[in-house]
All heavy atoms as atom14 arrays in JSON, in Angstrom:
{
  "sequence": "KDTTQKDTTQKDTTQKDTTQKDTTQKDTTQKDTTQKDTTQKILDILK",
  "atom14_mask": [
    [1, 1, 1, 1, 1, 1, 1, 1, 1, 0, 0, 0, 0, 0],
    [1, 1, 1, 1, 1, 1, 1, 1, 0, 0, 0, 0, 0, 0],
    [1, 1, 1, 1, 1, 1, 1, 0, 0, 0, 0, 0, 0, 0],
    [1, 1, 1, 1, 1, 1, 1, 0, 0, 0, 0, 0, 0, 0],
    [1, 1, 1, 1, 1, 1, 1, 1, 1, 0, 0, 0, 0, 0],
    [1, 1, 1, 1, 1, 1, 1, 1, 1, 0, 0, 0, 0, 0],
    [1, 1, 1, 1, 1, 1, 1, 1, 0, 0, 0, 0, 0, 0],
    [1, 1, 1, 1, 1, 1, 1, 0, 0, 0, 0, 0, 0, 0],
    [1, 1, 1, 1, 1, 1, 1, 0, 0, 0, 0, 0, 0, 0],
    [1, 1, 1, 1, 1, 1, 1, 1, 1, 0, 0, 0, 0, 0],
    [1, 1, 1, 1, 1, 1, 1, 1, 1, 0, 0, 0, 0, 0],
    [1, 1, 1, 1, 1, 1, 1, 1, 0, 0, 0, 0, 0, 0],
    [1, 1, 1, 1, 1, 1, 1, 0, 0, 0, 0, 0, 0, 0],
    [1, 1, 1, 1, 1, 1, 1, 0, 0, 0, 0, 0, 0, 0],
    [1, 1, 1, 1, 1, 1, 1, 1, 1, 0, 0, 0, 0, 0],
    [1, 1, 1, 1, 1, 1, 1, 1, 1, 0, 0, 0, 0, 0],
    [1, 1, 1, 1, 1, 1, 1, 1, 0, 0, 0, 0, 0, 0],
    [1, 1, 1, 1, 1, 1, 1, 0, 0, 0, 0, 0, 0, 0],
    [1, 1, 1, 1, 1, 1, 1, 0, 0, 0, 0, 0, 0, 0],
    [1, 1, 1, 1, 1, 1, 1, 1, 1, 0, 0, 0, 0, 0],
    [1, 1, 1, 1, 1, 1, 1, 1, 1, 0, 0, 0, 0, 0],
    [1, 1, 1, 1, 1, 1, 1, 1, 0, 0, 0, 0, 0, 0],
    [1, 1, 1, 1, 1, 1, 1, 0, 0, 0, 0, 0, 0, 0],
    [1, 1, 1, 1, 1, 1, 1, 0, 0, 0, 0, 0, 0, 0],
    [1, 1, 1, 1, 1, 1, 1, 1, 1, 0, 0, 0, 0, 0],
    [1, 1, 1, 1, 1, 1, 1, 1, 1, 0, 0, 0, 0, 0],
    [1, 1, 1, 1, 1, 1, 1, 1, 0, 0, 0, 0, 0, 0],
    [1, 1, 1, 1, 1, 1, 1, 0, 0, 0, 0, 0, 0, 0],
    [1, 1, 1, 1, 1, 1, 1, 0, 0, 0, 0, 0, 0, 0],
    [1, 1, 1, 1, 1, 1, 1, 1, 1, 0, 0, 0, 0, 0],
    [1, 1, 1, 1, 1, 1, 1, 1, 1, 0, 0, 0, 0, 0],
    [1, 1, 1, 1, 1, 1, 1, 1, 0, 0, 0, 0, 0, 0],
    [1, 1, 1, 1, 1, 1, 1, 0, 0, 0, 0, 0, 0, 0],
    [1, 1, 1, 1, 1, 1, 1, 0, 0, 0, 0, 0, 0, 0],
    [1, 1, 1, 1, 1, 1, 1, 1, 1, 0, 0, 0, 0, 0],
    [1, 1, 1, 1, 1, 1, 1, 1, 1, 0, 0, 0, 0, 0],
    [1, 1, 1, 1, 1, 1, 1, 1, 0, 0, 0, 0, 0, 0],
    [1, 1, 1, 1, 1, 1, 1, 0, 0, 0, 0, 0, 0, 0],
    [1, 1, 1, 1, 1, 1, 1, 0, 0, 0, 0, 0, 0, 0],
    [1, 1, 1, 1, 1, 1, 1, 1, 1, 0, 0, 0, 0, 0],
    [1, 1, 1, 1, 1, 1, 1, 1, 1, 0, 0, 0, 0, 0],
    [1, 1, 1, 1, 1, 1, 1, 1, 0, 0, 0, 0, 0, 0],
    [1, 1, 1, 1, 1, 1, 1, 1, 0, 0, 0, 0, 0, 0],
    [1, 1, 1, 1, 1, 1, 1, 1, 0, 0, 0, 0, 0, 0],
    [1, 1, 1, 1, 1, 1, 1, 1, 0, 0, 0, 0, 0, 0],
    [1, 1, 1, 1, 1, 1, 1, 1, 0, 0, 0, 0, 0, 0],
    [1, 1, 1, 1, 1, 1, 1, 1, 1, 0, 0, 0, 0, 0]
  ],
  "atom14_positions": [
    [[8.33, -0.95, -14.72], [7.92, -1.71, -13.55], [6.83, -0.99, -12.78], [5.86, -1.58, -12.3], [9.12, -1.96, -12.64], [8.8, -2.78, -11.4], [10.06, -3.0, -10.58], [9.72, -3.8, -9.32], [10.94, -4.02, -8.49], [0.0, 0.0, 0.0], [0.0, 0.0, 0.0], [0.0, 0.0, 0.0], [0.0, 0.0, 0.0], [0.0, 0.0, 0.0]],
    [[6.94, 0.36, -12.67], [5.93, 1.15, -11.98], [4.58, 1.04, -12.67], [3.53, 0.95, -12.02], [6.35, 2.62, -11.93], [7.58, 2.82, -11.06], [7.78, 2.01, -10.14], [8.32, 3.78, -11.32], [0.0, 0.0, 0.0], [0.0, 0.0, 0.0], [0.0, 0.0, 0.0], [0.0, 0.0, 0.0], [0.0, 0.0, 0.0], [0.0, 0.0, 0.0]],
    [[4.58, 1.04, -14.03], [3.34, 0.94, -14.79], [2.66, -0.4, -14.56], [1.46, -0.5, -14.37], [3.64, 1.13, -16.29], [4.33, 2.37, -16.47], [2.36, 1.13, -17.1], [0.0, 0.0, 0.0], [0.0, 0.0, 0.0], [0.0, 0.0, 0.0], [0.0, 0.0, 0.0], [0.0, 0.0, 0.0], [0.0, 0.0, 0.0], [0.0, 0.0, 0.0]],
    [[3.47, -1.45, -14.55], [2.93, -2.8, -14.31], [2.31, -2.9, -12.93], [1.24, -3.46, -12.74], [4.05, -3.84, -14.46], [4.64, -3.71, -15.74], [3.51, -5.26, -14.28], [0.0, 0.0, 0.0], [0.0, 0.0, 0.0], [0.0, 0.0, 0.0], [0.0, 0.0, 0.0], [0.0, 0.0, 0.0], [0.0, 0.0, 0.0], [0.0, 0.0, 0.0]],
    [[3.03, -2.32, -11.96], [2.52, -2.35, -10.59], [1.19, -1.63, -10.47], [0.29, -2.04, -9.74], [3.53, -1.73, -9.64], [4.75, -2.6, -9.4], [5.77, -1.92, -8.51], [5.76, -0.72, -8.4], [6.64, -2.73, -7.91], [0.0, 0.0, 0.0], [0.0, 0.0, 0.0], [0.0, 0.0, 0.0], [0.0, 0.0, 0.0], [0.0, 0.0, 0.0]],
    [[1.04, -0.53, -11.23], [-0.21, 0.23, -11.2], [-1.37, -0.59, -11.72], [-2.48, -0.54, -11.2], [-0.04, 1.51, -12.03], [-1.27, 2.41, -12.0], [-1.0, 3.67, -12.78], [-2.22, 4.59, -12.75], [-1.97, 5.83, -13.52], [0.0, 0.0, 0.0], [0.0, 0.0, 0.0], [0.0, 0.0, 0.0], [0.0, 0.0, 0.0], [0.0, 0.0, 0.0]],
    [[-1.13, -1.41, -12.76], [-2.18, -2.22, -13.35], [-2.69, -3.29, -12.39], [-3.84, -3.72, -12.47], [-1.67, -2.9, -14.64], [-1.37, -1.88, -15.73], [-1.93, -0.77, -15.65], [-0.58, -2.2, -16.64], [0.0, 0.0, 0.0], [0.0, 0.0, 0.0], [0.0, 0.0, 0.0], [0.0, 0.0, 0.0], [0.0, 0.0, 0.0], [0.0, 0.0, 0.0]],
    [[-1.8, -3.72, -11.48], [-2.2, -4.81, -10.57], [-2.63, -4.31, -9.2], [-2.89, -5.1, -8.31], [-1.02, -5.78, -10.39], [0.08, -5.05, -9.84], [-0.6, -6.41, -11.71], [0.0, 0.0, 0.0], [0.0, 0.0, 0.0], [0.0, 0.0, 0.0], [0.0, 0.0, 0.0], [0.0, 0.0, 0.0], [0.0, 0.0, 0.0], [0.0, 0.0, 0.0]],
    [[-2.72, -2.99, -9.05], [-3.05, -2.42, -7.74], [-4.41, -2.88, -7.23], [-4.57, -3.26, -6.07], [-3.04, -0.88, -7.81], [-1.74, -0.45, -8.17], [-3.44, -0.28, -6.47], [0.0, 0.0, 0.0], [0.0, 0.0, 0.0], [0.0, 0.0, 0.0], [0.0, 0.0, 0.0], [0.0, 0.0, 0.0], [0.0, 0.0, 0.0], [0.0, 0.0, 0.0]],
    [[-5.41, -2.87, -8.13], [-6.76, -3.23, -7.7], [-6.82, -4.67, -7.21], [-7.43, -4.98, -6.19], [-7.74, -3.03, -8.85], [-9.2, -3.22, -8.42], [-10.15, -2.86, -9.55], [-9.73, -2.45, -10.63], [-11.45, -3.01, -9.29], [0.0, 0.0, 0.0], [0.0, 0.0, 0.0], [0.0, 0.0, 0.0], [0.0, 0.0, 0.0], [0.0, 0.0, 0.0]],
    [[-6.11, -5.56, -7.93], [-6.08, -6.97, -7.53], [-5.41, -7.14, -6.18], [-5.88, -7.87, -5.3], [-5.35, -7.79, -8.6], [-5.27, -9.28, -8.28], [-4.54, -10.02, -9.39], [-4.41, -11.5, -9.05], [-3.68, -12.23, -10.13], [0.0, 0.0, 0.0], [0.0, 0.0, 0.0], [0.0, 0.0, 0.0], [0.0, 0.0, 0.0], [0.0, 0.0, 0.0]],
    [[-4.3, -6.43, -5.98], [-3.57, -6.52, -4.71], [-4.41, -6.0, -3.55], [-4.39, -6.54, -2.45], [-2.27, -5.72, -4.8], [-1.26, -6.37, -5.74], [-1.44, -7.56, -6.05], [-0.32, -5.67, -6.15], [0.0, 0.0, 0.0], [0.0, 0.0, 0.0], [0.0, 0.0, 0.0], [0.0, 0.0, 0.0], [0.0, 0.0, 0.0], [0.0, 0.0, 0.0]],
    [[-5.18, -4.91, -3.81], [-5.99, -4.31, -2.75], [-7.06, -5.28, -2.27], [-7.31, -5.43, -1.08], [-6.64, -3.01, -3.25], [-5.62, -2.11, -3.68], [-7.49, -2.37, -2.15], [0.0, 0.0, 0.0], [0.0, 0.0, 0.0], [0.0, 0.0, 0.0], [0.0, 0.0, 0.0], [0.0, 0.0, 0.0], [0.0, 0.0, 0.0], [0.0, 0.0, 0.0]],
    [[-7.71, -5.96, -3.22], [-8.75, -6.94, -2.86], [-8.18, -8.06, -2.01], [-8.74, -8.44, -0.98], [-9.38, -7.52, -4.14], [-9.91, -6.46, -4.94], [-10.51, -8.5, -3.78], [0.0, 0.0, 0.0], [0.0, 0.0, 0.0], [0.0, 0.0, 0.0], [0.0, 0.0, 0.0], [0.0, 0.0, 0.0], [0.0, 0.0, 0.0], [0.0, 0.0, 0.0]],
    [[-7.01, -8.57, -2.46], [-6.39, -9.66, -1.71], [-5.96, -9.2, -0.31], [-6.08, -9.91, 0.68], [-5.17, -10.18, -2.48], [-4.51, -11.39, -1.84], [-3.38, -11.93, -2.71], [-3.15, -11.43, -3.79], [-2.71, -12.95, -2.22], [0.0, 0.0, 0.0], [0.0, 0.0, 0.0], [0.0, 0.0, 0.0], [0.0, 0.0, 0.0], [0.0, 0.0, 0.0]],
    [[-5.48, -7.94, -0.22], [-5.03, -7.38, 1.05], [-6.19, -7.26, 2.04], [-6.07, -7.55, 3.22], [-4.4, -6.0, 0.81], [-3.84, -5.36, 2.08], [-3.2, -4.04, 1.76], [-2.68, -3.37, 3.02], [-2.08, -2.05, 2.72], [0.0, 0.0, 0.0], [0.0, 0.0, 0.0], [0.0, 0.0, 0.0], [0.0, 0.0, 0.0], [0.0, 0.0, 0.0]],
    [[-7.39, -6.82, 1.54], [-8.56, -6.68, 2.4], [-8.95, -8.01, 3.03], [-9.27, -8.1, 4.22], [-9.74, -6.11, 1.62], [-9.52, -4.66, 1.22], [-8.65, -4.02, 1.85], [-10.19, -4.19, 0.29], [0.0, 0.0, 0.0], [0.0, 0.0, 0.0], [0.0, 0.0, 0.0], [0.0, 0.0, 0.0], [0.0, 0.0, 0.0], [0.0, 0.0, 0.0]],
    [[-8.91, -9.05, 2.21], [-9.26, -10.37, 2.72], [-8.28, -10.85, 3.77], [-8.65, -11.37, 4.82], [-9.29, -11.38, 1.55], [-10.2, -10.91, 0.55], [-9.74, -12.76, 2.04], [0.0, 0.0, 0.0], [0.0, 0.0, 0.0], [0.0, 0.0, 0.0], [0.0, 0.0, 0.0], [0.0, 0.0, 0.0], [0.0, 0.0, 0.0], [0.0, 0.0, 0.0]],
    [[-6.98, -10.63, 3.49], [-5.94, -11.06, 4.42], [-6.03, -10.32, 5.74], [-5.87, -10.9, 6.81], [-4.55, -10.82, 3.81], [-4.47, -11.49, 2.55], [-3.45, -11.34, 4.74], [0.0, 0.0, 0.0], [0.0, 0.0, 0.0], [0.0, 0.0, 0.0], [0.0, 0.0, 0.0], [0.0, 0.0, 0.0], [0.0, 0.0, 0.0], [0.0, 0.0, 0.0]],
    [[-6.33, -9.02, 5.67], [-6.41, -8.23, 6.9], [-7.54, -8.71, 7.8], [-7.39, -8.74, 9.03], [-6.63, -6.75, 6.55], [-5.37, -6.06, 6.05], [-5.61, -4.61, 5.7], [-6.74, -4.22, 5.46], [-4.55, -3.83, 5.68], [0.0, 0.0, 0.0], [0.0, 0.0, 0.0], [0.0, 0.0, 0.0], [0.0, 0.0, 0.0], [0.0, 0.0, 0.0]],
    [[-8.69, -9.09, 7.22], [-9.79, -9.6, 8.03], [-9.39, -10.87, 8.76], [-9.74, -11.08, 9.91], [-11.0, -9.86, 7.14], [-11.65, -8.6, 6.59], [-12.83, -8.94, 5.69], [-13.47, -7.68, 5.11], [-14.59, -8.01, 4.2], [0.0, 0.0, 0.0], [0.0, 0.0, 0.0], [0.0, 0.0, 0.0], [0.0, 0.0, 0.0], [0.0, 0.0, 0.0]],
    [[-8.6, -11.71, 8.08], [-8.22, -13.0, 8.67], [-7.2, -12.84, 9.79], [-7.08, -13.7, 10.66], [-7.64, -13.93, 7.59], [-8.69, -14.32, 6.55], [-9.89, -14.24, 6.89], [-8.3, -14.69, 5.42], [0.0, 0.0, 0.0], [0.0, 0.0, 0.0], [0.0, 0.0, 0.0], [0.0, 0.0, 0.0], [0.0, 0.0, 0.0], [0.0, 0.0, 0.0]],
    [[-6.41, -11.74, 9.76], [-5.31, -11.61, 10.72], [-5.56, -10.57, 11.81], [-4.68, -10.3, 12.61], [-4.02, -11.21, 9.97], [-4.24, -9.97, 9.3], [-3.61, -12.28, 8.98], [0.0, 0.0, 0.0], [0.0, 0.0, 0.0], [0.0, 0.0, 0.0], [0.0, 0.0, 0.0], [0.0, 0.0, 0.0], [0.0, 0.0, 0.0], [0.0, 0.0, 0.0]],
    [[-6.77, -9.99, 11.85], [-7.03, -8.93, 12.84], [-6.82, -9.4, 14.27], [-6.15, -8.75, 15.07], [-8.48, -8.41, 12.69], [-8.64, -7.86, 11.4], [-8.76, -7.34, 13.76], [0.0, 0.0, 0.0], [0.0, 0.0, 0.0], [0.0, 0.0, 0.0], [0.0, 0.0, 0.0], [0.0, 0.0, 0.0], [0.0, 0.0, 0.0], [0.0, 0.0, 0.0]],
    [[-7.4, -10.57, 14.57], [-7.27, -11.08, 15.95], [-5.82, -11.38, 16.29], [-5.33, -11.09, 17.38], [-8.12, -12.34, 16.12], [-8.16, -12.84, 17.56], [-9.14, -13.99, 17.73], [-9.8, -14.38, 16.77], [-9.23, -14.51, 18.94], [0.0, 0.0, 0.0], [0.0, 0.0, 0.0], [0.0, 0.0, 0.0], [0.0, 0.0, 0.0], [0.0, 0.0, 0.0]],
    [[-5.07, -11.96, 15.31], [-3.66, -12.29, 15.53], [-2.84, -11.03, 15.77], [-1.97, -10.99, 16.64], [-3.12, -13.06, 14.32], [-1.67, -13.48, 14.46], [-1.23, -14.25, 13.24], [0.24, -14.65, 13.35], [0.71, -15.38, 12.14], [0.0, 0.0, 0.0], [0.0, 0.0, 0.0], [0.0, 0.0, 0.0], [0.0, 0.0, 0.0], [0.0, 0.0, 0.0]],
    [[-3.12, -9.96, 15.0], [-2.37, -8.7, 15.14], [-2.57, -8.09, 16.51], [-1.65, -7.53, 17.1], [-2.81, -7.69, 14.07], [-2.31, -8.09, 12.68], [-1.39, -8.94, 12.62], [-2.83, -7.54, 11.69], [0.0, 0.0, 0.0], [0.0, 0.0, 0.0], [0.0, 0.0, 0.0], [0.0, 0.0, 0.0], [0.0, 0.0, 0.0], [0.0, 0.0, 0.0]],
    [[-3.83, -8.19, 17.03], [-4.12, -7.62, 18.34], [-3.29, -8.29, 19.42], [-2.72, -7.65, 20.3], [-5.61, -7.76, 18.67], [-6.38, -7.1, 17.65], [-5.93, -7.14, 20.03], [0.0, 0.0, 0.0], [0.0, 0.0, 0.0], [0.0, 0.0, 0.0], [0.0, 0.0, 0.0], [0.0, 0.0, 0.0], [0.0, 0.0, 0.0], [0.0, 0.0, 0.0]],
    [[-3.21, -9.63, 19.34], [-2.42, -10.39, 20.31], [-0.94, -10.02, 20.21], [-0.26, -9.81, 21.2], [-2.59, -11.91, 20.07], [-3.98, -12.22, 20.15], [-1.83, -12.71, 21.13], [0.0, 0.0, 0.0], [0.0, 0.0, 0.0], [0.0, 0.0, 0.0], [0.0, 0.0, 0.0], [0.0, 0.0, 0.0], [0.0, 0.0, 0.0], [0.0, 0.0, 0.0]],
    [[-0.45, -9.94, 18.96], [0.96, -9.6, 18.75], [1.27, -8.19, 19.26], [2.34, -7.94, 19.8], [1.32, -9.69, 17.26], [1.4, -11.13, 16.75], [1.72, -11.17, 15.27], [1.49, -10.2, 14.55], [2.25, -12.3, 14.83], [0.0, 0.0, 0.0], [0.0, 0.0, 0.0], [0.0, 0.0, 0.0], [0.0, 0.0, 0.0], [0.0, 0.0, 0.0]],
    [[0.3, -7.25, 19.11], [0.51, -5.88, 19.56], [0.7, -5.83, 21.07], [1.57, -5.12, 21.58], [-0.69, -5.02, 19.16], [-0.53, -3.54, 19.54], [-1.72, -2.75, 19.06], [-1.58, -1.28, 19.44], [-2.75, -0.49, 19.01], [0.0, 0.0, 0.0], [0.0, 0.0, 0.0], [0.0, 0.0, 0.0], [0.0, 0.0, 0.0], [0.0, 0.0, 0.0]],
    [[-0.14, -6.61, 21.8], [-0.01, -6.64, 23.26], [1.36, -7.17, 23.67], [2.02, -6.64, 24.57], [-1.1, -7.52, 23.87], [-2.48, -6.88, 23.71], [-2.53, -5.66, 23.5], [-3.48, -7.62, 23.77], [0.0, 0.0, 0.0], [0.0, 0.0, 0.0], [0.0, 0.0, 0.0], [0.0, 0.0, 0.0], [0.0, 0.0, 0.0], [0.0, 0.0, 0.0]],
    [[1.81, -8.24, 22.98], [3.11, -8.83, 23.28], [4.23, -7.85, 22.97], [5.19, -7.69, 23.74], [3.31, -10.12, 22.47], [2.24, -11.02, 22.75], [4.64, -10.79, 22.83], [0.0, 0.0, 0.0], [0.0, 0.0, 0.0], [0.0, 0.0, 0.0], [0.0, 0.0, 0.0], [0.0, 0.0, 0.0], [0.0, 0.0, 0.0], [0.0, 0.0, 0.0]],
    [[4.1, -7.15, 21.83], [5.13, -6.19, 21.41], [5.26, -5.05, 22.42], [6.36, -4.62, 22.75], [4.79, -5.61, 20.03], [4.72, -6.69, 19.09], [5.86, -4.61, 19.58], [0.0, 0.0, 0.0], [0.0, 0.0, 0.0], [0.0, 0.0, 0.0], [0.0, 0.0, 0.0], [0.0, 0.0, 0.0], [0.0, 0.0, 0.0], [0.0, 0.0, 0.0]],
    [[4.09, -4.56, 22.92], [4.13, -3.47, 23.88], [4.84, -3.89, 25.17], [5.6, -3.13, 25.75], [2.72, -2.99, 24.2], [2.09, -2.17, 23.07], [0.73, -1.63, 23.46], [0.1, -2.13, 24.38], [0.27, -0.61, 22.74], [0.0, 0.0, 0.0], [0.0, 0.0, 0.0], [0.0, 0.0, 0.0], [0.0, 0.0, 0.0], [0.0, 0.0, 0.0]],
    [[4.6, -5.14, 25.61], [5.27, -5.63, 26.8], [6.77, -5.73, 26.57], [7.58, -5.36, 27.43], [4.71, -7.01, 27.19], [3.28, -6.96, 27.71], [2.78, -8.36, 28.07], [1.34, -8.29, 28.57], [0.83, -9.65, 28.88], [0.0, 0.0, 0.0], [0.0, 0.0, 0.0], [0.0, 0.0, 0.0], [0.0, 0.0, 0.0], [0.0, 0.0, 0.0]],
    [[7.17, -6.22, 25.38], [8.6, -6.32, 25.05], [9.24, -4.93, 25.0], [10.34, -4.73, 25.5], [8.78, -7.02, 23.7], [8.42, -8.49, 23.75], [8.37, -9.04, 24.89], [8.19, -9.07, 22.69], [0.0, 0.0, 0.0], [0.0, 0.0, 0.0], [0.0, 0.0, 0.0], [0.0, 0.0, 0.0], [0.0, 0.0, 0.0], [0.0, 0.0, 0.0]],
    [[8.52, -3.98, 24.4], [9.04, -2.61, 24.3], [9.22, -1.99, 25.67], [10.24, -1.35, 25.96], [8.1, -1.73, 23.45], [7.97, -2.3, 22.15], [8.64, -0.32, 23.33], [0.0, 0.0, 0.0], [0.0, 0.0, 0.0], [0.0, 0.0, 0.0], [0.0, 0.0, 0.0], [0.0, 0.0, 0.0], [0.0, 0.0, 0.0], [0.0, 0.0, 0.0]],
    [[8.23, -2.2, 26.55], [8.32, -1.67, 27.91], [9.54, -2.22, 28.63], [10.28, -1.48, 29.3], [7.05, -2.03, 28.71], [5.92, -1.41, 28.08], [7.16, -1.53, 30.14], [0.0, 0.0, 0.0], [0.0, 0.0, 0.0], [0.0, 0.0, 0.0], [0.0, 0.0, 0.0], [0.0, 0.0, 0.0], [0.0, 0.0, 0.0], [0.0, 0.0, 0.0]],
    [[9.77, -3.53, 28.51], [10.91, -4.14, 29.18], [12.23, -3.62, 28.6], [13.19, -3.37, 29.35], [10.86, -5.67, 29.04], [11.95, -6.39, 29.83], [11.9, -6.05, 31.31], [10.85, -6.13, 31.94], [13.02, -5.65, 31.88], [0.0, 0.0, 0.0], [0.0, 0.0, 0.0], [0.0, 0.0, 0.0], [0.0, 0.0, 0.0], [0.0, 0.0, 0.0]],
    [[12.27, -3.44, 27.28], [13.5, -2.93, 26.64], [13.8, -1.51, 27.13], [14.96, -1.15, 27.36], [13.35, -2.94, 25.11], [13.38, -4.33, 24.51], [13.17, -4.28, 23.01], [13.18, -5.68, 22.4], [12.91, -5.66, 20.94], [0.0, 0.0, 0.0], [0.0, 0.0, 0.0], [0.0, 0.0, 0.0], [0.0, 0.0, 0.0], [0.0, 0.0, 0.0]],
    [[12.73, -0.7, 27.27], [12.93, 0.67, 27.75], [13.46, 0.65, 29.18], [14.38, 1.41, 29.53], [11.62, 1.47, 27.66], [11.27, 1.74, 26.19], [11.73, 2.8, 28.42], [9.93, 2.42, 25.99], [0.0, 0.0, 0.0], [0.0, 0.0, 0.0], [0.0, 0.0, 0.0], [0.0, 0.0, 0.0], [0.0, 0.0, 0.0], [0.0, 0.0, 0.0]],
    [[12.92, -0.22, 30.02], [13.41, -0.33, 31.4], [14.88, -0.73, 31.42], [15.67, -0.2, 32.21], [12.57, -1.35, 32.17], [11.16, -0.9, 32.59], [10.38, -2.07, 33.14], [11.22, 0.22, 33.6], [0.0, 0.0, 0.0], [0.0, 0.0, 0.0], [0.0, 0.0, 0.0], [0.0, 0.0, 0.0], [0.0, 0.0, 0.0], [0.0, 0.0, 0.0]],
    [[15.25, -1.66, 30.54], [16.65, -2.1, 30.47], [17.57, -0.95, 30.06], [18.67, -0.78, 30.6], [16.8, -3.26, 29.48], [16.12, -4.53, 29.97], [15.89, -4.64, 31.2], [15.81, -5.41, 29.14], [0.0, 0.0, 0.0], [0.0, 0.0, 0.0], [0.0, 0.0, 0.0], [0.0, 0.0, 0.0], [0.0, 0.0, 0.0], [0.0, 0.0, 0.0]],
    [[17.1, -0.13, 29.1], [17.9, 1.01, 28.63], [18.07, 2.03, 29.75], [19.16, 2.58, 29.96], [17.24, 1.66, 27.39], [17.33, 0.71, 26.18], [17.91, 3.0, 27.06], [16.53, 1.19, 24.98], [0.0, 0.0, 0.0], [0.0, 0.0, 0.0], [0.0, 0.0, 0.0], [0.0, 0.0, 0.0], [0.0, 0.0, 0.0], [0.0, 0.0, 0.0]],
    [[16.99, 2.31, 30.51], [17.06, 3.28, 31.59], [17.99, 2.82, 32.7], [18.68, 3.62, 33.33], [15.66, 3.54, 32.17], [14.63, 4.16, 31.23], [13.32, 4.4, 31.96], [15.13, 5.46, 30.62], [0.0, 0.0, 0.0], [0.0, 0.0, 0.0], [0.0, 0.0, 0.0], [0.0, 0.0, 0.0], [0.0, 0.0, 0.0], [0.0, 0.0, 0.0]],
    [[18.02, 1.5, 32.96], [18.95, 0.98, 33.96], [20.4, 1.14, 33.49], [21.29, 1.48, 34.27], [18.66, -0.51, 34.22], [17.37, -0.78, 34.93], [17.14, -2.3, 35.08], [15.81, -2.6, 35.73], [15.56, -4.06, 35.8], [0.0, 0.0, 0.0], [0.0, 0.0, 0.0], [0.0, 0.0, 0.0], [0.0, 0.0, 0.0], [0.0, 0.0, 0.0]]
  ]
}
């Protein structure tokens, strides 16, 4: 299975690069939301 995965690495990398370009803006928005959620969770834990 490891050998097969190695053969398809180049194909997966190309597809991954394309997907990452399409989702950059979405990831940035999600990161801001995640940080706000994390901050609130930390405040809840401290209380």
